[in-house]
Amino acid sequence: MAKTIYTPGHYYHIYNRGVERRPIFLNDRNWGFFIQRLRHYFADGVVDMIAYCLMPNHYHLLVHVLCEDFGRSVMQPFSTSYTKAINQEQSRVGSLFQGRYKGQMVDKNAYLVHLSRYIHRNPVAAGLASHPADWAFSSYRDYVGLRNGTLPKPGIVLEQFASVAAYAAYVEEGDDRYGQVGHLLFDE
């Protein structure tokens, strides 16, 4: 896949998975540390986190890029810092992720909304949760008022719906065929 050029003012789906499909979260502390790293590198004025989901062996981020050179100034140090910390904790060396993170520009509101549902339904599709709200490691709980997190900024998605309940119904009804994002699915 060609290197993505990140343009300020645009939305992107960013994702990556563990090398050889191995877990990238090796203990309970790793999940929280990943979120901490997101908070550190994805600061206000640099990027807005629209939605996210952390899975045992991969992650999905839906972001609104606000800065120049997002890949080099945000994603590269973010990925490197997480990998170095895990390698040090686990007394290991080498790659944690299967290559460089991938990025796909999101150029339509319908795609943005569909992608938020795909991201929030990922644990359900993988059989890790019965409902999106059952999975603690996504922004879905923040969207529907079950958690008051400050990382996601769901306004652009939620304003497409009459209410939070309408968004929740849209996500819960699901469409695990994934339509426009099918080419981005990982072979689990």
N, C-alpha and C. Protein backbone atom coordinates (compact mmCIF):
# COMPACT_ATOMS: atom_id res chain seq x y z
N MET A 1 0.84 -1.17 0.00
CA MET A 1 0.00 0.00 0.00
C MET A 1 0.89 1.24 0.00
N ALA A 2 0.55 2.20 -0.85
CA ALA A 2 1.32 3.44 -0.94
C ALA A 2 1.18 4.24 0.35
N LYS A 3 2.20 5.01 0.64
CA LYS A 3 2.19 5.85 1.84
C LYS A 3 1.08 6.89 1.71
N THR A 4 0.28 7.03 2.75
CA THR A 4 -0.80 8.00 2.76
C THR A 4 -0.25 9.39 3.08
N ILE A 5 -0.69 10.37 2.31
CA ILE A 5 -0.37 11.76 2.60
C ILE A 5 -1.54 12.31 3.41
N TYR A 6 -1.27 12.77 4.61
CA TYR A 6 -2.31 13.27 5.51
C TYR A 6 -2.44 14.78 5.34
N THR A 7 -3.62 15.23 4.94
CA THR A 7 -3.88 16.63 4.69
C THR A 7 -4.68 17.23 5.84
N PRO A 8 -4.19 18.32 6.45
CA PRO A 8 -4.95 18.95 7.52
C PRO A 8 -6.38 19.28 7.07
N GLY A 9 -7.32 19.07 7.99
CA GLY A 9 -8.72 19.34 7.69
C GLY A 9 -9.48 18.14 7.17
N HIS A 10 -8.79 17.03 6.92
CA HIS A 10 -9.44 15.83 6.41
C HIS A 10 -9.53 14.75 7.49
N TYR A 11 -10.42 13.80 7.24
CA TYR A 11 -10.66 12.67 8.15
C TYR A 11 -9.99 11.43 7.59
N TYR A 12 -9.49 10.57 8.50
CA TYR A 12 -8.79 9.36 8.09
C TYR A 12 -9.13 8.19 9.01
N HIS A 13 -9.19 7.02 8.41
CA HIS A 13 -9.28 5.76 9.15
C HIS A 13 -7.86 5.23 9.22
N ILE A 14 -7.34 5.10 10.43
CA ILE A 14 -5.98 4.61 10.64
C ILE A 14 -6.08 3.29 11.38
N TYR A 15 -5.31 2.31 10.94
CA TYR A 15 -5.40 0.99 11.53
C TYR A 15 -4.07 0.25 11.37
N ASN A 16 -3.87 -0.72 12.25
CA ASN A 16 -2.70 -1.59 12.17
C ASN A 16 -2.97 -2.82 13.03
N ARG A 17 -2.19 -3.85 12.80
CA ARG A 17 -2.34 -5.07 13.60
C ARG A 17 -0.98 -5.62 13.97
N GLY A 18 -1.00 -6.55 14.89
CA GLY A 18 0.23 -7.16 15.37
C GLY A 18 0.89 -8.01 14.30
N VAL A 19 2.21 -8.06 14.36
CA VAL A 19 2.97 -8.89 13.44
C VAL A 19 2.48 -10.34 13.58
N GLU A 20 2.34 -11.02 12.48
CA GLU A 20 1.83 -12.40 12.44
C GLU A 20 0.48 -12.53 13.14
N ARG A 21 -0.28 -11.44 13.16
CA ARG A 21 -1.61 -11.40 13.79
C ARG A 21 -1.55 -11.69 15.30
N ARG A 22 -0.40 -11.47 15.88
CA ARG A 22 -0.24 -11.69 17.32
C ARG A 22 -0.86 -10.54 18.11
N PRO A 23 -1.16 -10.78 19.38
CA PRO A 23 -1.72 -9.71 20.22
C PRO A 23 -0.76 -8.53 20.35
N ILE A 24 -1.34 -7.35 20.42
CA ILE A 24 -0.56 -6.13 20.69
C ILE A 24 -0.80 -5.64 22.12
N PHE A 25 -1.75 -6.26 22.79
CA PHE A 25 -2.03 -5.99 24.19
C PHE A 25 -1.79 -7.29 24.94
N LEU A 26 -0.69 -7.33 25.70
CA LEU A 26 -0.23 -8.59 26.29
C LEU A 26 -0.65 -8.76 27.75
N ASN A 27 -1.15 -7.70 28.35
CA ASN A 27 -1.69 -7.78 29.71
C ASN A 27 -2.65 -6.61 29.90
N ASP A 28 -3.34 -6.59 31.01
CA ASP A 28 -4.36 -5.56 31.25
C ASP A 28 -3.80 -4.14 31.23
N ARG A 29 -2.58 -3.95 31.70
CA ARG A 29 -1.98 -2.61 31.74
C ARG A 29 -1.77 -2.04 30.34
N ASN A 30 -1.53 -2.91 29.36
CA ASN A 30 -1.22 -2.43 28.02
C ASN A 30 -2.37 -1.66 27.38
N TRP A 31 -3.60 -2.07 27.65
CA TRP A 31 -4.77 -1.37 27.07
C TRP A 31 -4.78 0.08 27.55
N GLY A 32 -4.64 0.29 28.84
CA GLY A 32 -4.63 1.64 29.40
C GLY A 32 -3.44 2.46 28.94
N PHE A 33 -2.29 1.80 28.81
CA PHE A 33 -1.10 2.51 28.35
C PHE A 33 -1.28 2.99 26.91
N PHE A 34 -1.90 2.17 26.06
CA PHE A 34 -2.16 2.56 24.68
C PHE A 34 -3.03 3.83 24.66
N ILE A 35 -4.08 3.84 25.47
CA ILE A 35 -4.96 5.01 25.55
C ILE A 35 -4.18 6.22 26.06
N GLN A 36 -3.31 6.00 27.04
CA GLN A 36 -2.48 7.09 27.56
C GLN A 36 -1.60 7.66 26.45
N ARG A 37 -1.01 6.80 25.65
CA ARG A 37 -0.18 7.26 24.53
C ARG A 37 -1.02 8.03 23.51
N LEU A 38 -2.24 7.56 23.24
CA LEU A 38 -3.13 8.30 22.34
C LEU A 38 -3.36 9.71 22.88
N ARG A 39 -3.67 9.80 24.16
CA ARG A 39 -3.92 11.12 24.77
C ARG A 39 -2.70 12.03 24.65
N HIS A 40 -1.52 11.46 24.81
CA HIS A 40 -0.30 12.25 24.74
C HIS A 40 -0.03 12.75 23.32
N TYR A 41 -0.07 11.88 22.35
CA TYR A 41 0.29 12.25 20.98
C TYR A 41 -0.85 12.87 20.18
N PHE A 42 -2.08 12.51 20.50
CA PHE A 42 -3.24 13.03 19.77
C PHE A 42 -3.83 14.21 20.55
N ALA A 43 -3.03 15.23 20.76
CA ALA A 43 -3.42 16.38 21.58
C ALA A 43 -4.36 17.31 20.82
N ASP A 44 -5.11 18.11 21.60
CA ASP A 44 -5.97 19.13 21.00
C ASP A 44 -5.14 20.04 20.12
N GLY A 45 -5.69 20.41 18.99
CA GLY A 45 -4.99 21.27 18.05
C GLY A 45 -4.10 20.52 17.09
N VAL A 46 -3.85 19.25 17.36
CA VAL A 46 -3.02 18.41 16.49
C VAL A 46 -3.90 17.46 15.70
N VAL A 47 -4.80 16.79 16.41
CA VAL A 47 -5.71 15.84 15.78
C VAL A 47 -6.91 15.66 16.71
N ASP A 48 -8.08 15.49 16.12
CA ASP A 48 -9.27 15.14 16.89
C ASP A 48 -9.55 13.66 16.70
N MET A 49 -9.69 12.94 17.80
CA MET A 49 -10.07 11.53 17.75
C MET A 49 -11.58 11.49 17.63
N ILE A 50 -12.07 10.94 16.54
CA ILE A 50 -13.51 10.86 16.33
C ILE A 50 -14.05 9.56 16.92
N ALA A 51 -13.40 8.46 16.63
CA ALA A 51 -13.81 7.15 17.16
C ALA A 51 -12.58 6.25 17.21
N TYR A 52 -12.63 5.26 18.10
CA TYR A 52 -11.54 4.29 18.16
C TYR A 52 -12.06 2.97 18.68
N CYS A 53 -11.30 1.92 18.37
CA CYS A 53 -11.55 0.61 18.95
C CYS A 53 -10.23 -0.13 19.01
N LEU A 54 -9.93 -0.65 20.18
CA LEU A 54 -8.73 -1.47 20.39
C LEU A 54 -9.19 -2.91 20.47
N MET A 55 -8.58 -3.75 19.67
CA MET A 55 -8.87 -5.18 19.65
C MET A 55 -7.62 -5.92 20.10
N PRO A 56 -7.73 -7.18 20.48
CA PRO A 56 -6.54 -7.87 20.99
C PRO A 56 -5.32 -7.81 20.06
N ASN A 57 -5.55 -7.88 18.75
CA ASN A 57 -4.39 -7.89 17.85
C ASN A 57 -4.38 -6.74 16.84
N HIS A 58 -5.26 -5.77 16.98
CA HIS A 58 -5.24 -4.63 16.07
C HIS A 58 -6.01 -3.45 16.67
N TYR A 59 -5.92 -2.32 15.98
CA TYR A 59 -6.66 -1.14 16.41
C TYR A 59 -7.22 -0.40 15.20
N HIS A 60 -8.26 0.38 15.46
CA HIS A 60 -8.86 1.26 14.46
C HIS A 60 -9.00 2.64 15.09
N LEU A 61 -8.60 3.66 14.36
CA LEU A 61 -8.76 5.04 14.80
C LEU A 61 -9.43 5.82 13.67
N LEU A 62 -10.41 6.60 13.99
CA LEU A 62 -11.03 7.52 13.04
C LEU A 62 -10.68 8.91 13.53
N VAL A 63 -9.89 9.64 12.74
CA VAL A 63 -9.33 10.91 13.20
C VAL A 63 -9.60 12.04 12.22
N HIS A 64 -9.58 13.23 12.76
CA HIS A 64 -9.64 14.47 11.98
C HIS A 64 -8.27 15.12 12.15
N VAL A 65 -7.48 15.12 11.10
CA VAL A 65 -6.11 15.64 11.15
C VAL A 65 -6.15 17.17 11.10
N LEU A 66 -5.45 17.80 12.02
CA LEU A 66 -5.42 19.26 12.10
C LEU A 66 -4.03 19.84 11.84
N CYS A 67 -3.00 19.00 11.87
CA CYS A 67 -1.63 19.49 11.77
C CYS A 67 -0.96 19.06 10.47
N GLU A 68 0.09 19.76 10.14
CA GLU A 68 0.93 19.36 9.01
C GLU A 68 1.76 18.15 9.42
N ASP A 69 2.10 17.32 8.49
CA ASP A 69 3.03 16.21 8.70
C ASP A 69 2.58 15.26 9.82
N PHE A 70 1.29 14.94 9.84
CA PHE A 70 0.69 14.08 10.86
C PHE A 70 1.41 12.73 10.97
N GLY A 71 1.73 12.12 9.85
CA GLY A 71 2.38 10.81 9.88
C GLY A 71 3.69 10.83 10.64
N ARG A 72 4.54 11.78 10.29
CA ARG A 72 5.87 11.83 10.89
C ARG A 72 5.86 12.44 12.30
N SER A 73 5.00 13.42 12.53
CA SER A 73 5.03 14.10 13.82
C SER A 73 4.12 13.48 14.88
N VAL A 74 3.15 12.66 14.47
CA VAL A 74 2.22 12.06 15.44
C VAL A 74 2.25 10.54 15.37
N MET A 75 1.91 9.98 14.23
CA MET A 75 1.76 8.52 14.15
C MET A 75 3.07 7.77 14.34
N GLN A 76 4.12 8.24 13.73
CA GLN A 76 5.40 7.54 13.87
C GLN A 76 5.88 7.53 15.32
N PRO A 77 5.94 8.67 16.01
CA PRO A 77 6.38 8.61 17.41
C PRO A 77 5.40 7.86 18.31
N PHE A 78 4.10 7.95 18.02
CA PHE A 78 3.11 7.21 18.80
C PHE A 78 3.37 5.71 18.69
N SER A 79 3.49 5.21 17.46
CA SER A 79 3.72 3.77 17.24
C SER A 79 5.04 3.32 17.86
N THR A 80 6.07 4.14 17.68
CA THR A 80 7.39 3.79 18.21
C THR A 80 7.36 3.76 19.74
N SER A 81 6.71 4.73 20.36
CA SER A 81 6.71 4.77 21.83
C SER A 81 5.97 3.57 22.41
N TYR A 82 4.86 3.18 21.78
CA TYR A 82 4.12 2.02 22.29
C TYR A 82 4.94 0.75 22.10
N THR A 83 5.53 0.59 20.92
CA THR A 83 6.33 -0.61 20.65
C THR A 83 7.52 -0.71 21.61
N LYS A 84 8.23 0.39 21.81
CA LYS A 84 9.38 0.37 22.72
C LYS A 84 8.97 0.00 24.14
N ALA A 85 7.86 0.54 24.60
CA ALA A 85 7.40 0.24 25.96
C ALA A 85 7.03 -1.23 26.11
N ILE A 86 6.33 -1.78 25.13
CA ILE A 86 5.95 -3.20 25.18
C ILE A 86 7.20 -4.07 25.10
N ASN A 87 8.12 -3.74 24.21
CA ASN A 87 9.35 -4.51 24.10
C ASN A 87 10.13 -4.50 25.40
N GLN A 88 10.21 -3.34 26.04
CA GLN A 88 10.93 -3.26 27.31
C GLN A 88 10.21 -4.07 28.39
N GLU A 89 8.91 -3.93 28.48
CA GLU A 89 8.14 -4.65 29.48
C GLU A 89 8.25 -6.17 29.31
N GLN A 90 8.25 -6.62 28.07
CA GLN A 90 8.24 -8.05 27.77
C GLN A 90 9.65 -8.62 27.53
N SER A 91 10.68 -7.78 27.69
CA SER A 91 12.07 -8.20 27.43
C SER A 91 12.19 -8.83 26.05
N ARG A 92 11.68 -8.13 25.07
CA ARG A 92 11.72 -8.61 23.70
C ARG A 92 12.28 -7.52 22.80
N VAL A 93 12.59 -7.88 21.57
CA VAL A 93 13.06 -6.92 20.58
C VAL A 93 12.27 -7.14 19.29
N GLY A 94 12.34 -6.16 18.41
CA GLY A 94 11.73 -6.31 17.10
C GLY A 94 10.38 -5.64 16.97
N SER A 95 9.76 -5.91 15.85
CA SER A 95 8.49 -5.29 15.51
C SER A 95 7.35 -5.83 16.35
N LEU A 96 6.47 -4.96 16.73
CA LEU A 96 5.22 -5.34 17.38
C LEU A 96 4.10 -5.35 16.34
N PHE A 97 4.17 -4.39 15.42
CA PHE A 97 3.13 -4.24 14.41
C PHE A 97 3.56 -4.81 13.07
N GLN A 98 2.56 -5.20 12.30
CA GLN A 98 2.79 -5.77 10.97
C GLN A 98 2.98 -4.62 9.98
N GLY A 99 4.16 -4.09 9.95
CA GLY A 99 4.46 -2.98 9.06
C GLY A 99 3.96 -1.66 9.60
N ARG A 100 4.06 -0.67 8.75
CA ARG A 100 3.63 0.69 9.10
C ARG A 100 2.11 0.73 9.19
N TYR A 101 1.59 1.58 10.05
CA TYR A 101 0.14 1.79 10.15
C TYR A 101 -0.40 2.17 8.77
N LYS A 102 -1.66 1.89 8.55
CA LYS A 102 -2.30 2.21 7.28
C LYS A 102 -3.27 3.36 7.52
N GLY A 103 -3.48 4.15 6.49
CA GLY A 103 -4.42 5.26 6.58
C GLY A 103 -5.24 5.36 5.31
N GLN A 104 -6.52 5.58 5.48
CA GLN A 104 -7.44 5.72 4.35
C GLN A 104 -8.24 7.00 4.56
N MET A 105 -8.21 7.92 3.59
CA MET A 105 -8.98 9.15 3.72
C MET A 105 -10.48 8.86 3.68
N VAL A 106 -11.20 9.54 4.54
CA VAL A 106 -12.66 9.43 4.62
C VAL A 106 -13.21 10.72 4.02
N ASP A 107 -13.82 10.61 2.84
CA ASP A 107 -14.16 11.82 2.09
C ASP A 107 -15.65 12.13 1.98
N LYS A 108 -16.49 11.35 2.65
CA LYS A 108 -17.93 11.60 2.59
C LYS A 108 -18.54 11.38 3.97
N ASN A 109 -19.56 12.18 4.31
CA ASN A 109 -20.23 12.02 5.61
C ASN A 109 -20.79 10.62 5.78
N ALA A 110 -21.39 10.08 4.72
CA ALA A 110 -21.98 8.73 4.82
C ALA A 110 -20.90 7.71 5.15
N TYR A 111 -19.73 7.85 4.56
CA TYR A 111 -18.62 6.94 4.82
C TYR A 111 -18.14 7.11 6.27
N LEU A 112 -18.07 8.35 6.74
CA LEU A 112 -17.65 8.64 8.11
C LEU A 112 -18.58 7.96 9.11
N VAL A 113 -19.88 8.10 8.89
CA VAL A 113 -20.87 7.51 9.79
C VAL A 113 -20.81 5.99 9.73
N HIS A 114 -20.73 5.44 8.51
CA HIS A 114 -20.64 3.99 8.35
C HIS A 114 -19.38 3.45 9.02
N LEU A 115 -18.28 4.16 8.86
CA LEU A 115 -17.02 3.74 9.46
C LEU A 115 -17.09 3.77 10.98
N SER A 116 -17.77 4.75 11.56
CA SER A 116 -17.91 4.78 13.02
C SER A 116 -18.67 3.54 13.49
N ARG A 117 -19.69 3.14 12.74
CA ARG A 117 -20.43 1.92 13.11
C ARG A 117 -19.52 0.70 12.98
N TYR A 118 -18.79 0.61 11.89
CA TYR A 118 -17.86 -0.51 11.69
C TYR A 118 -16.87 -0.60 12.85
N ILE A 119 -16.28 0.53 13.22
CA ILE A 119 -15.31 0.56 14.31
C ILE A 119 -15.96 0.12 15.62
N HIS A 120 -17.12 0.64 15.92
CA HIS A 120 -17.78 0.31 17.19
C HIS A 120 -18.34 -1.11 17.22
N ARG A 121 -18.62 -1.69 16.07
CA ARG A 121 -19.13 -3.07 16.02
C ARG A 121 -18.02 -4.11 15.89
N ASN A 122 -16.79 -3.68 15.76
CA ASN A 122 -15.68 -4.61 15.58
C ASN A 122 -15.63 -5.72 16.63
N PRO A 123 -15.78 -5.43 17.93
CA PRO A 123 -15.76 -6.49 18.94
C PRO A 123 -16.92 -7.47 18.80
N VAL A 124 -18.07 -6.98 18.35
CA VAL A 124 -19.24 -7.85 18.14
C VAL A 124 -18.97 -8.78 16.96
N ALA A 125 -18.47 -8.22 15.87
CA ALA A 125 -18.17 -9.02 14.68
C ALA A 125 -17.12 -10.09 14.97
N ALA A 126 -16.19 -9.78 15.88
CA ALA A 126 -15.13 -10.73 16.23
C ALA A 126 -15.56 -11.73 17.30
N GLY A 127 -16.77 -11.60 17.81
CA GLY A 127 -17.26 -12.52 18.84
C GLY A 127 -16.72 -12.24 20.23
N LEU A 128 -16.20 -11.04 20.46
CA LEU A 128 -15.64 -10.68 21.76
C LEU A 128 -16.65 -9.99 22.67
N ALA A 129 -17.76 -9.55 22.10
CA ALA A 129 -18.81 -8.87 22.87
C ALA A 129 -20.15 -9.12 22.19
N SER A 130 -21.20 -9.13 22.99
CA SER A 130 -22.55 -9.30 22.43
C SER A 130 -23.10 -7.99 21.88
N HIS A 131 -22.70 -6.89 22.50
CA HIS A 131 -23.16 -5.56 22.10
C HIS A 131 -21.96 -4.62 22.13
N PRO A 132 -21.94 -3.59 21.30
CA PRO A 132 -20.82 -2.64 21.32
C PRO A 132 -20.55 -2.05 22.70
N ALA A 133 -21.59 -1.81 23.50
CA ALA A 133 -21.40 -1.22 24.83
C ALA A 133 -20.71 -2.17 25.80
N ASP A 134 -20.64 -3.45 25.47
CA ASP A 134 -19.98 -4.42 26.34
C ASP A 134 -18.46 -4.34 26.25
N TRP A 135 -17.93 -3.69 25.23
CA TRP A 135 -16.49 -3.63 25.00
C TRP A 135 -15.94 -2.33 25.56
N ALA A 136 -15.07 -2.41 26.55
CA ALA A 136 -14.55 -1.22 27.23
C ALA A 136 -13.54 -0.44 26.40
N PHE A 137 -12.94 -1.08 25.40
CA PHE A 137 -11.81 -0.48 24.71
C PHE A 137 -12.19 0.14 23.38
N SER A 138 -13.32 0.83 23.37
CA SER A 138 -13.73 1.59 22.19
C SER A 138 -14.40 2.87 22.68
N SER A 139 -14.65 3.76 21.75
CA SER A 139 -15.29 5.03 22.09
C SER A 139 -16.81 4.93 22.13
N TYR A 140 -17.37 3.76 21.86
CA TYR A 140 -18.83 3.64 21.80
C TYR A 140 -19.50 4.08 23.09
N ARG A 141 -18.97 3.69 24.23
CA ARG A 141 -19.58 4.07 25.51
C ARG A 141 -19.62 5.59 25.68
N ASP A 142 -18.61 6.27 25.15
CA ASP A 142 -18.60 7.73 25.21
C ASP A 142 -19.68 8.32 24.31
N TYR A 143 -19.89 7.71 23.16
CA TYR A 143 -20.91 8.17 22.21
C TYR A 143 -22.30 8.10 22.81
N VAL A 144 -22.59 7.02 23.53
CA VAL A 144 -23.97 6.80 24.00
C VAL A 144 -24.18 7.20 25.46
N GLY A 145 -23.21 7.89 26.07
CA GLY A 145 -23.39 8.43 27.41
C GLY A 145 -23.17 7.46 28.55
N LEU A 146 -22.53 6.32 28.28
CA LEU A 146 -22.24 5.36 29.35
C LEU A 146 -20.90 5.64 30.03
N ARG A 147 -20.14 6.54 29.43
CA ARG A 147 -18.84 6.94 29.99
C ARG A 147 -18.62 8.38 29.54
N ASN A 148 -18.00 9.16 30.37
CA ASN A 148 -17.76 10.57 30.05
C ASN A 148 -16.30 10.80 29.70
N GLY A 149 -15.81 10.07 28.72
CA GLY A 149 -14.43 10.22 28.29
C GLY A 149 -14.21 11.53 27.56
N THR A 150 -12.97 11.96 27.56
CA THR A 150 -12.62 13.21 26.88
C THR A 150 -11.80 12.98 25.63
N LEU A 151 -11.44 11.74 25.34
CA LEU A 151 -10.62 11.47 24.15
C LEU A 151 -11.42 11.61 22.86
N PRO A 152 -12.55 10.93 22.72
CA PRO A 152 -13.27 11.06 21.44
C PRO A 152 -14.06 12.36 21.36
N LYS A 153 -14.17 12.85 20.14
CA LYS A 153 -14.98 14.03 19.83
C LYS A 153 -16.02 13.59 18.79
N PRO A 154 -17.14 13.04 19.26
CA PRO A 154 -18.10 12.40 18.36
C PRO A 154 -19.07 13.33 17.65
N GLY A 155 -18.95 14.63 17.85
CA GLY A 155 -19.93 15.56 17.31
C GLY A 155 -20.23 15.40 15.84
N ILE A 156 -19.20 15.27 15.00
CA ILE A 156 -19.40 15.17 13.55
C ILE A 156 -20.25 13.96 13.18
N VAL A 157 -20.15 12.89 13.95
CA VAL A 157 -20.95 11.69 13.69
C VAL A 157 -22.34 11.86 14.29
N LEU A 158 -22.41 12.23 15.55
CA LEU A 158 -23.71 12.31 16.23
C LEU A 158 -24.63 13.36 15.62
N GLU A 159 -24.07 14.42 15.04
CA GLU A 159 -24.94 15.44 14.44
C GLU A 159 -25.66 14.94 13.18
N GLN A 160 -25.29 13.78 12.70
CA GLN A 160 -25.97 13.18 11.55
C GLN A 160 -27.25 12.45 11.96
N PHE A 161 -27.50 12.37 13.27
CA PHE A 161 -28.64 11.63 13.82
C PHE A 161 -29.53 12.56 14.62
N ALA A 162 -30.80 12.20 14.73
CA ALA A 162 -31.77 13.01 15.48
C ALA A 162 -31.46 13.00 16.97
N SER A 163 -30.83 11.93 17.45
CA SER A 163 -30.52 11.81 18.88
C SER A 163 -29.42 10.77 19.08
N VAL A 164 -28.89 10.75 20.28
CA VAL A 164 -27.91 9.71 20.64
C VAL A 164 -28.56 8.34 20.53
N ALA A 165 -29.82 8.24 20.93
CA ALA A 165 -30.54 6.97 20.84
C ALA A 165 -30.65 6.50 19.39
N ALA A 166 -30.82 7.43 18.46
CA ALA A 166 -30.90 7.07 17.04
C ALA A 166 -29.55 6.52 16.56
N TYR A 167 -28.45 7.13 17.02
CA TYR A 167 -27.13 6.59 16.67
C TYR A 167 -26.95 5.20 17.27
N ALA A 168 -27.31 5.04 18.53
CA ALA A 168 -27.17 3.74 19.19
C ALA A 168 -27.97 2.68 18.44
N ALA A 169 -29.17 3.01 18.00
CA ALA A 169 -29.99 2.06 17.24
C ALA A 169 -29.32 1.71 15.91
N TYR A 170 -28.74 2.71 15.26
CA TYR A 170 -28.02 2.49 13.99
C TYR A 170 -26.86 1.52 14.19
N VAL A 171 -26.10 1.72 15.26
CA VAL A 171 -24.96 0.83 15.52
C VAL A 171 -25.44 -0.55 15.95
N GLU A 172 -26.40 -0.60 16.83
CA GLU A 172 -26.90 -1.89 17.34
C GLU A 172 -27.52 -2.74 16.24
N GLU A 173 -28.23 -2.10 15.29
CA GLU A 173 -28.84 -2.89 14.21
C GLU A 173 -27.76 -3.55 13.37
N GLY A 174 -26.62 -2.88 13.30
CA GLY A 174 -25.45 -3.45 12.63
C GLY A 174 -25.66 -3.76 11.18
N ASP A 175 -24.57 -3.95 10.55
CA ASP A 175 -24.51 -4.40 9.17
C ASP A 175 -23.12 -4.99 9.06
N ASP A 176 -22.98 -6.20 9.51
CA ASP A 176 -21.65 -6.79 9.59
C ASP A 176 -21.09 -7.21 8.24
N ARG A 177 -21.76 -6.79 7.17
CA ARG A 177 -21.18 -7.00 5.84
C ARG A 177 -20.15 -5.92 5.54
N TYR A 178 -20.23 -4.79 6.21
CA TYR A 178 -19.27 -3.69 6.18
C TYR A 178 -19.20 -2.88 4.90
N GLY A 179 -19.87 -3.24 3.87
CA GLY A 179 -19.96 -2.39 2.69
C GLY A 179 -18.65 -1.76 2.27
N GLN A 180 -18.59 -0.44 2.36
CA GLN A 180 -17.47 0.34 1.84
C GLN A 180 -16.14 0.07 2.53
N VAL A 181 -16.13 -0.51 3.71
CA VAL A 181 -14.86 -0.73 4.40
C VAL A 181 -14.42 -2.19 4.33
N GLY A 182 -15.09 -3.01 3.56
CA GLY A 182 -14.74 -4.42 3.46
C GLY A 182 -13.29 -4.65 3.07
N HIS A 183 -12.75 -3.79 2.22
CA HIS A 183 -11.36 -3.96 1.79
C HIS A 183 -10.37 -3.67 2.91
N LEU A 184 -10.83 -3.12 4.02
CA LEU A 184 -9.94 -2.80 5.13
C LEU A 184 -9.97 -3.85 6.24
N LEU A 185 -10.78 -4.88 6.08
CA LEU A 185 -10.89 -5.89 7.12
C LEU A 185 -9.61 -6.71 7.22
N PHE A 186 -9.29 -7.08 8.42
CA PHE A 186 -8.17 -7.97 8.65
C PHE A 186 -8.66 -9.40 8.60
N ASP A 187 -7.87 -10.27 8.08
CA ASP A 187 -8.19 -11.70 8.11
C ASP A 187 -7.85 -12.21 9.49
N GLU A 188 -8.85 -12.46 10.29
CA GLU A 188 -8.59 -12.87 11.68
C GLU A 188 -8.19 -14.31 11.76
